[in-house]
Amino acid sequence: MMLRMKLPSEPVTITPQQIATLNQTLSDVRHNINNYLSLMTAAAEIVSRKPEMAPRMLANLVTQPQKVTDEMRRFSAEFEKVLQIQRE
């Protein structure tokens, strides 16, 4: 499903502070997503070496994708707000 966006009809001016904030938010999101992916990779590696750990690692694995999604949504919301993009 493709989400439609309503773009501004005029140029958008953003301040250096807004750019800095977006850049910091993007940096935080990248860092957090890398952590979540690392946890998923580590859990999979542990299970491959110690199958008896599967139930414990599964609990970790199933929570990480939602965290990645939440991070992307957080950044997208900030990005859309600053650039005045509206969801249709």
N, C-alpha and C. Protein backbone atom coordinates (compact mmCIF):
# COMPACT_ATOMS: atom_id res chain seq x y z
N MET A 1 0.85 -1.18 0.00
CA MET A 1 0.00 0.00 0.00
C MET A 1 0.89 1.24 0.00
N MET A 2 0.68 2.10 -0.96
CA MET A 2 1.46 3.32 -1.08
C MET A 2 0.73 4.45 -0.36
N LEU A 3 1.41 5.06 0.59
CA LEU A 3 0.84 6.17 1.33
C LEU A 3 1.01 7.44 0.51
N ARG A 4 -0.07 8.17 0.33
CA ARG A 4 -0.01 9.40 -0.45
C ARG A 4 0.33 10.56 0.46
N MET A 5 1.13 11.47 -0.06
CA MET A 5 1.55 12.63 0.70
C MET A 5 1.19 13.89 -0.07
N LYS A 6 0.78 14.89 0.64
CA LYS A 6 0.52 16.19 0.04
C LYS A 6 1.73 17.08 0.33
N LEU A 7 2.43 17.40 -0.75
CA LEU A 7 3.62 18.23 -0.62
C LEU A 7 3.25 19.70 -0.61
N PRO A 8 4.09 20.53 -0.01
CA PRO A 8 3.80 21.97 -0.01
C PRO A 8 3.78 22.49 -1.45
N SER A 9 2.95 23.49 -1.68
CA SER A 9 2.86 24.06 -3.02
C SER A 9 3.89 25.18 -3.23
N GLU A 10 4.46 25.65 -2.16
CA GLU A 10 5.48 26.71 -2.21
C GLU A 10 6.78 26.19 -1.59
N PRO A 11 7.91 26.85 -1.90
CA PRO A 11 9.17 26.43 -1.26
C PRO A 11 9.06 26.53 0.27
N VAL A 12 9.75 25.63 0.92
CA VAL A 12 9.75 25.60 2.38
C VAL A 12 11.12 26.06 2.86
N THR A 13 11.12 26.97 3.80
CA THR A 13 12.36 27.44 4.39
C THR A 13 12.52 26.79 5.75
N ILE A 14 13.68 26.20 5.97
CA ILE A 14 13.94 25.65 7.28
C ILE A 14 15.20 26.31 7.85
N THR A 15 15.19 26.46 9.14
CA THR A 15 16.28 27.15 9.81
C THR A 15 17.47 26.21 10.02
N PRO A 16 18.64 26.80 10.25
CA PRO A 16 19.79 25.95 10.58
C PRO A 16 19.51 25.08 11.82
N GLN A 17 18.78 25.62 12.78
CA GLN A 17 18.45 24.84 13.98
C GLN A 17 17.56 23.65 13.62
N GLN A 18 16.61 23.85 12.71
CA GLN A 18 15.76 22.73 12.28
C GLN A 18 16.58 21.67 11.56
N ILE A 19 17.52 22.10 10.75
CA ILE A 19 18.40 21.16 10.06
C ILE A 19 19.23 20.38 11.09
N ALA A 20 19.76 21.09 12.07
CA ALA A 20 20.55 20.44 13.11
C ALA A 20 19.71 19.44 13.89
N THR A 21 18.48 19.81 14.18
CA THR A 21 17.59 18.91 14.91
C THR A 21 17.27 17.67 14.08
N LEU A 22 16.96 17.87 12.80
CA LEU A 22 16.69 16.72 11.92
C LEU A 22 17.92 15.82 11.81
N ASN A 23 19.07 16.42 11.69
CA ASN A 23 20.30 15.65 11.58
C ASN A 23 20.55 14.84 12.85
N GLN A 24 20.33 15.46 14.01
CA GLN A 24 20.51 14.74 15.28
C GLN A 24 19.49 13.62 15.42
N THR A 25 18.25 13.90 15.03
CA THR A 25 17.21 12.88 15.10
C THR A 25 17.56 11.71 14.19
N LEU A 26 18.02 12.01 12.98
CA LEU A 26 18.42 10.95 12.05
C LEU A 26 19.58 10.14 12.62
N SER A 27 20.53 10.81 13.22
CA SER A 27 21.66 10.12 13.84
C SER A 27 21.19 9.19 14.95
N ASP A 28 20.28 9.68 15.79
CA ASP A 28 19.72 8.86 16.88
C ASP A 28 18.98 7.65 16.32
N VAL A 29 18.18 7.88 15.28
CA VAL A 29 17.40 6.79 14.68
C VAL A 29 18.34 5.73 14.10
N ARG A 30 19.37 6.16 13.38
CA ARG A 30 20.33 5.20 12.81
C ARG A 30 20.98 4.38 13.92
N HIS A 31 21.39 5.05 14.98
CA HIS A 31 22.03 4.38 16.11
C HIS A 31 21.09 3.35 16.74
N ASN A 32 19.85 3.77 16.99
CA ASN A 32 18.88 2.87 17.62
C ASN A 32 18.55 1.68 16.73
N ILE A 33 18.34 1.93 15.44
CA ILE A 33 18.03 0.83 14.52
C ILE A 33 19.20 -0.14 14.44
N ASN A 34 20.42 0.39 14.37
CA ASN A 34 21.59 -0.50 14.37
C ASN A 34 21.62 -1.36 15.63
N ASN A 35 21.29 -0.78 16.78
CA ASN A 35 21.24 -1.56 18.01
C ASN A 35 20.20 -2.67 17.93
N TYR A 36 19.01 -2.34 17.45
CA TYR A 36 17.95 -3.35 17.35
C TYR A 36 18.35 -4.47 16.40
N LEU A 37 18.95 -4.12 15.27
CA LEU A 37 19.38 -5.14 14.31
C LEU A 37 20.51 -5.99 14.89
N SER A 38 21.39 -5.36 15.65
CA SER A 38 22.48 -6.12 16.30
C SER A 38 21.92 -7.12 17.30
N LEU A 39 20.90 -6.69 18.04
CA LEU A 39 20.27 -7.61 18.99
C LEU A 39 19.63 -8.80 18.28
N MET A 40 19.02 -8.52 17.13
CA MET A 40 18.40 -9.60 16.36
C MET A 40 19.47 -10.57 15.84
N THR A 41 20.56 -10.02 15.33
CA THR A 41 21.64 -10.85 14.81
C THR A 41 22.26 -11.69 15.93
N ALA A 42 22.48 -11.05 17.07
CA ALA A 42 23.07 -11.78 18.20
C ALA A 42 22.15 -12.90 18.66
N ALA A 43 20.86 -12.62 18.75
CA ALA A 43 19.90 -13.65 19.18
C ALA A 43 19.91 -14.83 18.20
N ALA A 44 19.94 -14.54 16.90
CA ALA A 44 19.96 -15.61 15.89
C ALA A 44 21.25 -16.43 16.00
N GLU A 45 22.38 -15.75 16.23
CA GLU A 45 23.64 -16.47 16.38
C GLU A 45 23.66 -17.35 17.62
N ILE A 46 23.11 -16.84 18.71
CA ILE A 46 23.04 -17.63 19.94
C ILE A 46 22.20 -18.88 19.72
N VAL A 47 21.05 -18.72 19.08
CA VAL A 47 20.17 -19.86 18.82
C VAL A 47 20.85 -20.88 17.91
N SER A 48 21.63 -20.41 16.94
CA SER A 48 22.30 -21.36 16.04
C SER A 48 23.36 -22.17 16.78
N ARG A 49 23.95 -21.60 17.82
CA ARG A 49 24.97 -22.30 18.60
C ARG A 49 24.39 -23.06 19.78
N LYS A 50 23.31 -22.52 20.33
CA LYS A 50 22.68 -23.14 21.51
C LYS A 50 21.16 -23.18 21.30
N PRO A 51 20.68 -24.16 20.57
CA PRO A 51 19.25 -24.24 20.27
C PRO A 51 18.35 -24.21 21.51
N GLU A 52 18.86 -24.65 22.63
CA GLU A 52 18.06 -24.63 23.86
C GLU A 52 17.73 -23.21 24.33
N MET A 53 18.44 -22.24 23.79
CA MET A 53 18.19 -20.83 24.13
C MET A 53 17.09 -20.21 23.28
N ALA A 54 16.55 -20.97 22.33
CA ALA A 54 15.56 -20.43 21.40
C ALA A 54 14.36 -19.76 22.08
N PRO A 55 13.74 -20.36 23.08
CA PRO A 55 12.58 -19.69 23.68
C PRO A 55 12.94 -18.32 24.28
N ARG A 56 14.07 -18.25 24.94
CA ARG A 56 14.50 -16.97 25.53
C ARG A 56 14.84 -15.94 24.46
N MET A 57 15.54 -16.36 23.42
CA MET A 57 15.95 -15.45 22.36
C MET A 57 14.77 -15.03 21.49
N LEU A 58 13.78 -15.91 21.35
CA LEU A 58 12.60 -15.59 20.55
C LEU A 58 11.88 -14.37 21.12
N ALA A 59 11.80 -14.30 22.44
CA ALA A 59 11.17 -13.13 23.08
C ALA A 59 11.89 -11.85 22.68
N ASN A 60 13.19 -11.91 22.58
CA ASN A 60 13.98 -10.76 22.16
C ASN A 60 13.78 -10.45 20.68
N LEU A 61 13.79 -11.50 19.88
CA LEU A 61 13.66 -11.32 18.43
C LEU A 61 12.33 -10.68 18.03
N VAL A 62 11.26 -11.10 18.64
CA VAL A 62 9.94 -10.64 18.18
C VAL A 62 9.65 -9.19 18.55
N THR A 63 10.38 -8.62 19.50
CA THR A 63 10.12 -7.22 19.88
C THR A 63 10.91 -6.22 19.04
N GLN A 64 11.98 -6.66 18.43
CA GLN A 64 12.86 -5.72 17.73
C GLN A 64 12.27 -5.10 16.46
N PRO A 65 11.58 -5.86 15.60
CA PRO A 65 11.03 -5.23 14.39
C PRO A 65 10.08 -4.06 14.69
N GLN A 66 9.27 -4.19 15.73
CA GLN A 66 8.37 -3.09 16.07
C GLN A 66 9.15 -1.86 16.52
N LYS A 67 10.26 -2.08 17.20
CA LYS A 67 11.11 -0.97 17.64
C LYS A 67 11.71 -0.26 16.43
N VAL A 68 12.11 -1.02 15.43
CA VAL A 68 12.64 -0.42 14.19
C VAL A 68 11.55 0.42 13.52
N THR A 69 10.36 -0.15 13.43
CA THR A 69 9.23 0.57 12.83
C THR A 69 8.93 1.85 13.59
N ASP A 70 8.93 1.78 14.92
CA ASP A 70 8.66 2.96 15.75
C ASP A 70 9.70 4.05 15.52
N GLU A 71 10.96 3.66 15.39
CA GLU A 71 12.03 4.64 15.13
C GLU A 71 11.82 5.33 13.79
N MET A 72 11.48 4.54 12.77
CA MET A 72 11.25 5.13 11.45
C MET A 72 10.06 6.08 11.47
N ARG A 73 9.01 5.70 12.17
CA ARG A 73 7.83 6.56 12.27
C ARG A 73 8.18 7.86 12.98
N ARG A 74 8.98 7.76 14.03
CA ARG A 74 9.36 8.95 14.79
C ARG A 74 10.13 9.93 13.88
N PHE A 75 11.09 9.41 13.13
CA PHE A 75 11.84 10.29 12.24
C PHE A 75 10.96 10.83 11.13
N SER A 76 10.13 9.97 10.55
CA SER A 76 9.24 10.41 9.46
C SER A 76 8.33 11.53 9.92
N ALA A 77 7.80 11.42 11.12
CA ALA A 77 6.90 12.45 11.63
C ALA A 77 7.63 13.78 11.78
N GLU A 78 8.84 13.74 12.30
CA GLU A 78 9.62 14.97 12.45
C GLU A 78 9.98 15.57 11.09
N PHE A 79 10.40 14.71 10.17
CA PHE A 79 10.76 15.13 8.82
C PHE A 79 9.57 15.79 8.12
N GLU A 80 8.42 15.14 8.19
CA GLU A 80 7.21 15.67 7.55
C GLU A 80 6.77 16.98 8.18
N LYS A 81 6.91 17.09 9.47
CA LYS A 81 6.53 18.33 10.17
C LYS A 81 7.40 19.49 9.71
N VAL A 82 8.70 19.29 9.70
CA VAL A 82 9.63 20.36 9.32
C VAL A 82 9.44 20.75 7.86
N LEU A 83 9.23 19.79 6.99
CA LEU A 83 9.11 20.08 5.57
C LEU A 83 7.66 20.31 5.13
N GLN A 84 6.77 20.36 6.10
CA GLN A 84 5.36 20.67 5.85
C GLN A 84 4.70 19.70 4.87
N ILE A 85 5.02 18.44 5.04
CA ILE A 85 4.42 17.37 4.23
C ILE A 85 3.24 16.81 5.01
N GLN A 86 2.11 16.69 4.34
CA GLN A 86 0.91 16.18 5.00
C GLN A 86 0.53 14.83 4.41
N ARG A 87 0.11 13.94 5.28
CA ARG A 87 -0.37 12.63 4.83
C ARG A 87 -1.80 12.78 4.36
N GLU A 88 -2.13 12.10 3.28
CA GLU A 88 -3.51 12.14 2.76
C GLU A 88 -4.24 10.89 3.17
